[in-house]
């Protein structure tokens, strides 16, 4: 499977990203998540799919398996909780900070809590 979805690729981002989940996710569900994320972050659905897949791969290299739909759902929730469509961190920033937190040994819930605090400007665990 390709590591990156190019602008010239004909496969829809939701189909490409859904296929990266084990077992494969529902492309319609993935389309809904990408549409929701597109409304919250300053990224196109293709770039959201690419960044999510990149994060999934980086986590897998550290022995952490997280389906792309879970990552999208978590980041959508964070953006909705802080009430902003462009919050303190963009989607790419969230991916990087989340990876750093997980790579430092934090579990999923603790990493998401640290991101929520950082997005609200209340913490320093995620720069």
Protein backbone atom coordinates (compact mmCIF):
# COMPACT_ATOMS: atom_id res chain seq x y z
CA UNK A 1 0.00 0.00 0.00
CA UNK A 2 1.25 3.46 -0.85
CA UNK A 3 2.53 5.63 1.98
CA UNK A 4 1.18 8.90 0.61
CA UNK A 5 -1.83 9.93 -1.44
CA UNK A 6 -0.77 12.26 -4.24
CA UNK A 7 -2.91 15.07 -5.64
CA UNK A 8 -3.03 13.23 -8.96
CA UNK A 9 -4.22 9.93 -7.46
CA UNK A 10 -7.70 8.92 -8.49
CA UNK A 11 -8.56 6.90 -5.38
CA UNK A 12 -10.73 8.92 -2.97
CA UNK A 13 -9.01 9.77 0.34
CA UNK A 14 -11.66 7.96 2.37
CA UNK A 15 -11.20 4.73 0.41
CA UNK A 16 -7.41 4.93 0.66
CA UNK A 17 -7.46 5.66 4.39
CA UNK A 18 -10.16 3.08 5.17
CA UNK A 19 -8.00 0.41 3.55
CA UNK A 20 -5.18 1.21 6.00
CA UNK A 21 -7.23 0.05 8.96
CA UNK A 22 -7.10 -3.57 10.14
CA UNK A 23 -9.69 -4.80 9.44
CA UNK A 24 -10.48 -2.28 6.70
CA UNK A 25 -12.81 0.49 7.86
CA UNK A 26 -16.04 1.52 6.21
CA UNK A 27 -15.18 4.10 3.52
CA UNK A 28 -18.50 5.90 4.12
CA UNK A 29 -17.65 6.30 7.80
CA UNK A 30 -14.16 7.50 6.87
CA UNK A 31 -15.67 10.00 4.40
CA UNK A 32 -17.81 11.41 7.20
CA UNK A 33 -14.81 11.73 9.51
CA UNK A 34 -12.72 13.42 6.83
CA UNK A 35 -15.57 15.81 6.04
CA UNK A 36 -15.95 16.69 9.71
CA UNK A 37 -12.19 17.16 10.13
CA UNK A 38 -12.10 19.28 6.97
CA UNK A 39 -14.59 21.66 8.60
CA UNK A 40 -12.46 21.90 11.77
CA UNK A 41 -8.92 22.05 10.44
CA UNK A 42 -7.18 23.99 7.72
CA UNK A 43 -6.40 20.88 5.65
CA UNK A 44 -7.96 19.18 2.65
CA UNK A 45 -9.41 15.68 3.02
CA UNK A 46 -6.43 14.32 1.07
CA UNK A 47 -3.93 15.96 3.41
CA UNK A 48 -5.94 14.88 6.46
CA UNK A 49 -5.80 11.31 5.15
CA UNK A 50 -2.07 11.59 4.48
CA UNK A 51 -1.26 13.04 7.89
CA UNK A 52 -3.41 10.44 9.63
CA UNK A 53 -1.74 7.61 7.73
CA UNK A 54 1.68 9.09 8.46
CA UNK A 55 0.88 9.24 12.18
CA UNK A 56 -0.47 5.70 12.11
CA UNK A 57 2.79 4.52 10.53
CA UNK A 58 4.99 6.43 12.98
CA UNK A 59 3.07 4.95 15.90
CA UNK A 60 3.32 1.46 14.42
CA UNK A 61 7.11 1.85 14.29
CA UNK A 62 6.95 2.39 18.07
CA UNK A 63 4.75 -0.68 18.54
CA UNK A 64 1.53 1.30 18.94
CA UNK A 65 -1.39 0.18 16.77
CA UNK A 66 -4.13 2.76 16.33
CA UNK A 67 -6.67 2.66 13.51
CA UNK A 68 -6.88 5.84 11.44
CA UNK A 69 -10.57 6.31 12.24
CA UNK A 70 -9.77 6.38 15.97
CA UNK A 71 -7.09 9.01 15.44
CA UNK A 72 -9.47 11.16 13.40
CA UNK A 73 -12.27 10.79 15.94
CA UNK A 74 -9.97 11.77 18.80
CA UNK A 75 -8.61 14.85 17.04
CA UNK A 76 -12.08 15.92 15.90
CA UNK A 77 -13.26 15.65 19.51
CA UNK A 78 -10.31 17.74 20.71
CA UNK A 79 -11.05 20.45 18.15
CA UNK A 80 -14.74 20.49 19.06
CA UNK A 81 -13.98 20.64 22.80
CA UNK A 82 -11.84 23.73 22.48
CA UNK A 83 -14.57 25.37 20.43
CA UNK A 84 -12.31 26.56 17.66
CA UNK A 85 -12.00 25.54 14.09
CA UNK A 86 -8.34 26.48 14.03
CA UNK A 87 -7.40 26.03 17.73
CA UNK A 88 -3.90 26.39 19.07
CA UNK A 89 -2.64 23.46 17.00
CA UNK A 90 -3.49 22.54 13.44
CA UNK A 91 -4.03 18.94 12.41
CA UNK A 92 -0.40 18.33 11.51
CA UNK A 93 0.68 19.83 14.83
CA UNK A 94 -1.75 17.59 16.69
CA UNK A 95 -0.35 14.55 14.91
CA UNK A 96 3.22 15.47 15.83
CA UNK A 97 2.44 16.33 19.45
CA UNK A 98 0.37 13.18 19.87
CA UNK A 99 3.19 11.09 18.46
CA UNK A 100 5.73 12.73 20.77
CA UNK A 101 3.51 12.10 23.79
CA UNK A 102 2.93 8.47 22.86
CA UNK A 103 6.61 7.93 22.03
CA UNK A 104 7.50 9.31 25.48
CA UNK A 105 5.48 6.51 27.04
CA UNK A 106 2.08 8.08 27.66
CA UNK A 107 -0.94 5.93 26.94
CA UNK A 108 -3.68 7.02 24.56
CA UNK A 109 -5.96 8.57 27.18
CA UNK A 110 -3.14 10.43 28.95
CA UNK A 111 -1.77 11.73 25.64
CA UNK A 112 -5.20 13.01 24.59
CA UNK A 113 -5.68 14.66 27.99
CA UNK A 114 -2.29 16.39 27.65
CA UNK A 115 -3.25 17.60 24.17
CA UNK A 116 -6.58 18.89 25.43
CA UNK A 117 -4.82 20.88 28.16
CA UNK A 118 -2.26 22.22 25.72
CA UNK A 119 -4.94 23.21 23.21
CA UNK A 120 -6.73 25.07 25.96
CA UNK A 121 -3.48 26.81 26.88
CA UNK A 122 -3.47 25.20 30.32
CA UNK A 123 -0.55 22.85 30.03
CA UNK A 124 2.94 22.46 28.72
CA UNK A 125 3.15 18.71 28.09
CA UNK A 126 2.57 19.27 24.38
CA UNK A 127 4.48 22.33 23.13
